[in-house]
Amino acid sequence: MSSEQLVLGGGGGGGGGVSAGAGAVGEPAGAAGSRDEALEIERLKELLLVHLDMITQQQDLIMARDRQIKALKSEKEAVSIQNKHFRRFHTRTRCVWTSVCVLSHRAHMCTCM
């Protein structure tokens, strides 16, 4: 075989000769390409799995924060209702707003009732 045939991959003995661009010495010409493709496919599969895992973690985090937001909104509503009742009571009884009064209302011992 001449040096030109080696470089161009054209061997005289039929198909499947050794090309100069093959990955390993003595490897058939098409094997290096299919091995590279298989490695690329495997790498892309791993990358896809990593992204799916990250999406799942983010989804779990979003759901946990949504639950926390709902709980905080519910707590805020309860405190708002308590505050509204507290203000209505003090408006009717003409209670003097002092820190002692506010603290004693929390303990249900206000003397202004």
Protein backbone atom coordinates (compact mmCIF):
# COMPACT_ATOMS: atom_id res chain seq x y z
CA MET A 1 0.00 0.00 0.00
CA SER A 2 1.33 3.43 -0.84
CA SER A 3 1.50 6.36 1.58
CA GLU A 4 -1.21 8.15 -0.42
CA GLN A 5 -3.60 5.24 0.05
CA LEU A 6 -2.95 5.25 3.81
CA VAL A 7 -3.76 8.95 4.14
CA LEU A 8 -6.88 8.76 2.02
CA GLY A 9 -8.01 5.51 3.61
CA GLY A 10 -8.19 3.68 0.32
CA GLY A 11 -6.78 0.22 0.79
CA GLY A 12 -6.55 -2.32 -1.99
CA GLY A 13 -8.04 -5.20 -0.03
CA GLY A 14 -11.73 -4.27 0.04
CA GLY A 15 -13.58 -2.37 2.77
CA GLY A 16 -12.71 -1.80 6.43
CA GLY A 17 -9.09 -0.78 6.00
CA VAL A 18 -7.13 1.17 8.59
CA SER A 19 -7.36 4.90 8.11
CA ALA A 20 -4.87 7.40 9.37
CA GLY A 21 -7.61 9.30 11.25
CA ALA A 22 -8.89 6.34 13.31
CA GLY A 23 -8.84 6.58 17.09
CA ALA A 24 -6.67 3.60 17.98
CA VAL A 25 -4.00 1.86 15.97
CA GLY A 26 -5.44 -1.04 14.02
CA GLU A 27 -9.05 -0.01 14.68
CA PRO A 28 -11.50 -0.12 11.77
CA ALA A 29 -12.31 3.26 10.23
CA GLY A 30 -15.94 3.46 11.43
CA ALA A 31 -15.33 2.21 14.98
CA ALA A 32 -13.78 5.45 16.26
CA GLY A 33 -16.75 7.48 15.12
CA SER A 34 -19.30 5.15 16.67
CA ARG A 35 -17.31 5.04 19.92
CA ASP A 36 -17.23 8.85 20.03
CA GLU A 37 -20.95 8.98 19.33
CA ALA A 38 -21.64 6.47 22.09
CA LEU A 39 -19.57 8.52 24.54
CA GLU A 40 -21.38 11.70 23.49
CA ILE A 41 -24.78 10.01 23.92
CA GLU A 42 -23.76 8.75 27.37
CA ARG A 43 -22.53 12.21 28.38
CA LEU A 44 -25.79 13.80 27.18
CA LYS A 45 -27.84 11.23 29.11
CA GLU A 46 -25.92 12.01 32.29
CA LEU A 47 -26.39 15.74 31.70
CA LEU A 48 -30.11 15.21 31.18
CA LEU A 49 -30.38 13.24 34.43
CA VAL A 50 -28.53 15.96 36.34
CA HIS A 51 -30.90 18.59 34.94
CA LEU A 52 -33.96 16.48 35.78
CA ASP A 53 -32.67 16.05 39.34
CA MET A 54 -32.13 19.79 39.67
CA ILE A 55 -35.65 20.48 38.33
CA THR A 56 -37.11 18.04 40.87
CA GLN A 57 -35.22 19.70 43.72
CA GLN A 58 -36.39 23.15 42.61
CA GLN A 59 -39.97 21.91 42.34
CA ASP A 60 -39.79 20.50 45.88
CA LEU A 61 -38.39 23.80 47.13
CA ILE A 62 -41.15 25.77 45.40
CA MET A 63 -43.83 23.51 46.91
CA ALA A 64 -42.32 23.89 50.40
CA ARG A 65 -42.23 27.67 50.04
CA ASP A 66 -45.82 27.70 48.79
CA ARG A 67 -46.88 25.77 51.92
CA GLN A 68 -44.92 28.22 54.08
CA ILE A 69 -46.53 31.21 52.33
CA LYS A 70 -50.01 29.74 52.86
CA ALA A 71 -49.28 29.18 56.55
CA LEU A 72 -47.96 32.72 56.96
CA LYS A 73 -50.98 34.20 55.18
CA SER A 74 -53.28 32.21 57.44
CA GLU A 75 -51.38 33.39 60.51
CA LYS A 76 -51.48 36.99 59.27
CA GLU A 77 -55.24 36.74 58.77
CA ALA A 78 -55.71 35.38 62.30
CA VAL A 79 -53.60 38.17 63.80
CA SER A 80 -55.49 40.74 61.73
CA ILE A 81 -58.83 39.46 63.05
CA GLN A 82 -57.52 39.53 66.63
CA ASN A 83 -56.25 43.06 66.09
CA LYS A 84 -59.61 44.15 64.67
CA HIS A 85 -61.49 42.73 67.68
CA PHE A 86 -58.99 44.28 70.06
CA ARG A 87 -59.39 47.72 68.48
CA ARG A 88 -63.20 47.46 68.45
CA PHE A 89 -63.26 46.57 72.13
CA HIS A 90 -60.98 49.46 73.09
CA THR A 91 -62.94 51.89 70.96
CA ARG A 92 -66.21 50.98 72.70
CA THR A 93 -64.84 50.98 76.25
CA ARG A 94 -62.71 54.09 75.78
CA CYS A 95 -59.73 52.32 77.25
CA VAL A 96 -56.58 54.33 77.75
CA TRP A 97 -53.96 52.82 75.48
CA THR A 98 -50.99 52.09 77.65
CA SER A 99 -48.39 49.39 77.48
CA VAL A 100 -49.73 47.96 80.73
CA CYS A 101 -53.22 47.72 79.25
CA VAL A 102 -51.99 46.06 76.07
CA LEU A 103 -49.94 43.55 78.04
CA SER A 104 -52.79 42.81 80.43
CA HIS A 105 -55.19 42.24 77.50
CA ARG A 106 -52.81 39.60 76.26
CA ALA A 107 -53.05 37.95 79.66
CA HIS A 108 -56.86 38.65 79.81
CA MET A 109 -56.51 40.76 82.96
CA CYS A 110 -57.12 44.29 81.77
CA THR A 111 -58.74 46.52 84.40
CA CYS A 112 -60.40 48.75 81.80
CA MET A 113 -63.11 46.20 81.02
